[in-house]
Protein backbone atom coordinates (compact mmCIF):
# COMPACT_ATOMS: atom_id res chain seq x y z
CA MET A 1 -22.13 -46.13 8.75
CA PRO A 2 -25.11 -48.52 8.62
CA THR A 3 -24.35 -52.17 8.02
CA ASP A 4 -27.88 -53.46 7.63
CA GLY A 5 -31.38 -52.34 6.82
CA PRO A 6 -34.94 -53.45 7.43
CA GLU A 7 -35.56 -57.16 7.88
CA VAL A 8 -37.03 -59.20 5.05
CA PRO A 9 -40.82 -59.16 5.56
CA ALA A 10 -42.20 -62.37 7.06
CA GLY A 11 -44.32 -63.22 3.99
CA ALA A 12 -41.27 -63.12 1.74
CA ALA A 13 -39.01 -64.88 4.24
CA ALA A 14 -41.21 -67.97 3.93
CA SER A 15 -40.02 -68.26 0.30
CA GLY A 16 -36.47 -69.18 1.33
CA VAL A 17 -35.10 -65.66 0.90
CA ARG A 18 -31.46 -65.04 1.74
CA ALA A 19 -30.68 -61.34 2.16
CA GLU A 20 -27.27 -59.87 2.91
CA TRP A 21 -26.31 -56.25 3.55
CA ARG A 22 -22.94 -54.60 3.04
CA PRO A 23 -21.84 -51.02 3.69
CA VAL A 24 -20.57 -48.92 0.80
CA ARG A 25 -17.04 -47.71 1.49
CA ARG A 26 -15.71 -44.20 1.03
CA PRO A 27 -15.82 -42.24 -1.23
CA PHE A 28 -19.30 -43.79 -1.76
CA GLY A 29 -19.13 -43.59 -5.55
CA PRO A 30 -20.43 -45.94 -8.24
CA ARG A 31 -17.39 -48.25 -8.02
CA GLN A 32 -17.77 -48.65 -4.24
CA GLN A 33 -21.54 -49.20 -4.61
CA PHE A 34 -20.92 -51.89 -7.25
CA THR A 35 -18.34 -53.62 -5.04
CA ALA A 36 -20.59 -53.55 -1.97
CA GLY A 37 -23.44 -55.02 -4.04
CA ARG A 38 -21.27 -57.86 -5.33
CA ARG A 39 -19.98 -58.61 -1.83
CA ALA A 40 -23.56 -58.76 -0.59
CA ALA A 41 -24.47 -61.04 -3.52
CA ALA A 42 -21.58 -63.43 -2.77
CA ALA A 43 -22.66 -63.61 0.89
CA ALA A 44 -26.33 -64.20 -0.06
CA LEU A 45 -25.33 -66.96 -2.48
CA ALA A 46 -23.18 -68.58 0.23
CA ALA A 47 -26.12 -68.44 2.68
CA ALA A 48 -28.35 -70.04 0.02
CA GLY A 49 -25.87 -72.87 -0.55
CA ALA A 50 -24.78 -71.90 -4.05
CA PRO A 51 -21.46 -73.44 -5.11
CA ASP A 52 -20.75 -70.48 -7.44
CA ARG A 53 -20.67 -67.08 -5.73
CA VAL A 54 -19.56 -64.86 -8.58
CA VAL A 55 -22.16 -62.49 -10.07
CA PRO A 56 -20.96 -61.04 -13.38
CA ARG A 57 -22.80 -58.41 -15.42
CA GLU A 58 -25.05 -59.25 -18.34
CA PRO A 59 -24.35 -57.21 -21.51
CA GLY A 60 -27.13 -54.77 -20.47
CA GLY A 61 -25.63 -54.35 -17.00
CA ARG A 62 -27.99 -56.59 -14.99
CA PRO A 63 -26.37 -58.98 -12.53
CA ARG A 64 -26.27 -62.62 -13.68
CA PHE A 65 -26.82 -64.98 -10.78
CA PRO A 66 -25.95 -68.69 -11.05
CA ARG A 67 -28.58 -71.03 -12.49
CA GLY A 68 -31.10 -72.09 -9.86
CA PHE A 69 -30.41 -69.08 -7.61
CA ALA A 70 -32.51 -66.10 -8.69
CA GLY A 71 -31.23 -62.88 -7.20
CA SER A 72 -31.19 -59.13 -7.26
CA ILE A 73 -28.97 -56.31 -5.96
CA ALA A 74 -29.83 -52.78 -4.86
CA HIS A 75 -27.93 -49.97 -3.21
CA THR A 76 -28.06 -46.45 -1.92
CA ASP A 77 -24.95 -44.31 -1.73
CA ARG A 78 -24.10 -45.86 1.67
CA LEU A 79 -25.61 -49.36 1.77
CA ALA A 80 -26.06 -52.35 -0.56
CA VAL A 81 -28.33 -55.38 -0.29
CA ALA A 82 -28.50 -58.59 -2.30
CA VAL A 83 -31.34 -61.09 -2.17
CA VAL A 84 -31.19 -64.68 -3.41
CA VAL A 85 -34.15 -67.06 -3.62
CA PRO A 86 -33.22 -70.62 -4.66
CA GLY A 87 -35.62 -72.02 -7.25
CA ALA A 88 -37.47 -68.76 -7.94
CA ALA A 89 -38.02 -67.66 -11.54
CA ALA A 90 -36.97 -64.08 -10.78
CA VAL A 91 -36.33 -61.73 -7.89
CA GLY A 92 -36.33 -57.95 -7.64
CA VAL A 93 -35.12 -55.92 -4.68
CA ASP A 94 -34.90 -52.19 -4.14
CA ILE A 95 -33.87 -50.00 -1.25
CA GLU A 96 -34.65 -46.31 -1.05
CA SER A 97 -33.43 -43.72 1.42
CA ALA A 98 -34.52 -40.60 -0.44
CA VAL A 99 -37.60 -38.59 0.34
CA ILE A 100 -39.98 -38.85 -2.63
CA SER A 101 -41.40 -35.40 -3.29
CA PRO A 102 -45.10 -34.90 -4.08
CA ARG A 103 -44.09 -33.94 -7.63
CA VAL A 104 -42.18 -37.21 -8.16
CA ALA A 105 -44.97 -39.21 -6.51
CA GLY A 106 -47.46 -37.55 -8.85
CA PHE A 107 -45.38 -38.65 -11.83
CA ILE A 108 -44.54 -42.19 -10.67
CA LEU A 109 -47.89 -43.14 -9.14
CA ARG A 110 -51.14 -43.38 -11.08
CA GLY A 111 -54.18 -41.56 -9.71
CA GLN A 112 -55.77 -44.77 -8.43
CA GLU A 113 -52.53 -45.76 -6.71
CA ARG A 114 -52.34 -42.40 -4.94
CA LEU A 115 -55.99 -42.64 -3.85
CA THR A 116 -55.92 -46.20 -2.55
CA LEU A 117 -52.35 -46.89 -1.42
CA LEU A 118 -51.23 -43.60 0.15
CA PRO A 119 -52.76 -42.31 3.41
CA PRO A 120 -55.43 -41.74 4.45
CA ALA A 121 -56.95 -44.69 2.54
CA GLY A 122 -53.72 -46.71 2.28
CA LYS A 123 -50.78 -47.50 4.51
CA TYR A 124 -47.79 -46.93 2.23
CA THR A 125 -45.46 -43.95 1.87
CA PRO A 126 -44.39 -42.58 -1.52
CA ARG A 127 -40.87 -43.93 -0.83
CA GLU A 128 -42.25 -47.44 -0.22
CA LEU A 129 -44.32 -47.39 -3.41
CA PHE A 130 -41.36 -46.08 -5.43
CA ALA A 131 -39.26 -48.98 -4.09
CA ALA A 132 -42.11 -51.42 -4.81
CA LYS A 133 -42.25 -50.38 -8.45
CA GLU A 134 -38.46 -50.70 -8.79
CA ALA A 135 -38.41 -54.16 -7.19
CA ALA A 136 -41.32 -55.35 -9.35
CA PHE A 137 -39.64 -53.93 -12.46
CA LYS A 138 -36.48 -55.92 -11.72
CA ALA A 139 -38.42 -59.14 -11.17
CA LEU A 140 -40.72 -58.73 -14.18
CA SER A 141 -38.03 -57.54 -16.60
CA ALA A 142 -35.78 -60.47 -15.63
CA ARG A 143 -38.25 -62.74 -17.43
CA GLY A 144 -37.26 -61.13 -20.72
CA THR A 145 -40.71 -61.72 -22.21
CA LEU A 146 -42.39 -58.40 -21.49
CA GLY A 147 -40.32 -56.25 -23.85
CA ASP A 148 -38.89 -52.88 -22.92
CA PHE A 149 -40.83 -50.84 -20.41
CA LEU A 150 -40.17 -48.20 -17.77
CA PHE A 151 -40.55 -48.97 -14.08
CA TRP A 152 -43.25 -46.40 -13.44
CA ARG A 153 -45.51 -48.26 -15.90
CA ILE A 154 -45.85 -51.00 -13.29
CA GLU A 155 -49.35 -50.96 -11.80
CA LEU A 156 -49.75 -51.38 -8.04
CA GLY A 157 -52.86 -52.59 -6.25
CA GLN A 158 -53.93 -54.09 -2.97
CA SER A 159 -55.22 -57.66 -2.63
CA ASP A 160 -56.12 -58.44 0.97
CA ASP A 161 -52.94 -57.50 2.87
CA ALA A 162 -50.62 -58.01 -0.10
CA LEU A 163 -49.31 -55.40 -2.50
CA ILE A 164 -49.58 -56.69 -6.08
CA ALA A 165 -47.58 -55.22 -8.93
CA SER A 166 -48.31 -56.04 -12.55
CA TYR A 167 -47.28 -55.21 -16.06
CA GLY A 168 -48.54 -56.75 -19.28
CA GLY A 169 -50.95 -58.92 -17.33
CA VAL A 170 -48.16 -60.55 -15.31
CA PRO A 171 -48.60 -60.07 -11.53
CA VAL A 172 -46.00 -60.29 -8.79
CA THR A 173 -46.42 -59.90 -5.03
CA VAL A 174 -44.28 -57.20 -3.45
CA TRP A 175 -43.36 -57.17 0.22
CA ILE A 176 -42.26 -53.96 1.93
CA ASN A 177 -40.53 -53.22 5.19
CA SER A 178 -39.23 -49.84 6.30
CA ASP A 179 -37.43 -48.15 9.11
CA VAL A 180 -37.02 -44.42 9.62
CA ASP A 181 -34.20 -44.05 7.09
CA LEU A 182 -34.72 -46.83 4.56
CA SER A 183 -37.42 -48.73 2.68
CA LEU A 184 -36.90 -52.27 1.40
CA ALA A 185 -39.14 -53.74 -1.31
CA LEU A 186 -38.91 -57.33 -2.49
CA ALA A 187 -40.70 -58.99 -5.43
CA ILE A 188 -40.46 -62.73 -6.13
CA LEU A 189 -41.75 -64.61 -9.17
CA PRO A 190 -42.10 -68.27 -8.13
CA GLY A 191 -40.22 -70.89 -10.15
């Protein structure tokens, strides 16, 4: 059973990111995924120096990190990750292990995104872009000022070597790192 995933990309690591991975225990159901995510969050908060390491649920189900320690949790059926960035306004993380079919990619990605970000013109896989939209959605929706929207409404574009996600005119940089089995996407809104 894997106990960690891809490293935090160097560009994001410079922001003081603390990432912790925890395996999901058998039988790999929602309860075990939740527990693994909260254990990862407690470890990430400890690494960031937070005195409070409990992450309760907001009424809508989102994790509520302690004041001054923006964070996010993601999981697959076998692995959970939590990311904490002290002083950030918001953080979004996603991990994906699934293969994203052409049909799903056609639904999730806009035509321009498919043309410029996927090969041959771009360098990203559909799984990475799916994770990027999820991470950006978490970061942008944490602000609470953009109203209700669905993650695939996030727009992705390239700016130099950075992947930029935006919704409602609010941009956020998204960093991606992948290995053969897993893609990690991380979005940070500075404080």
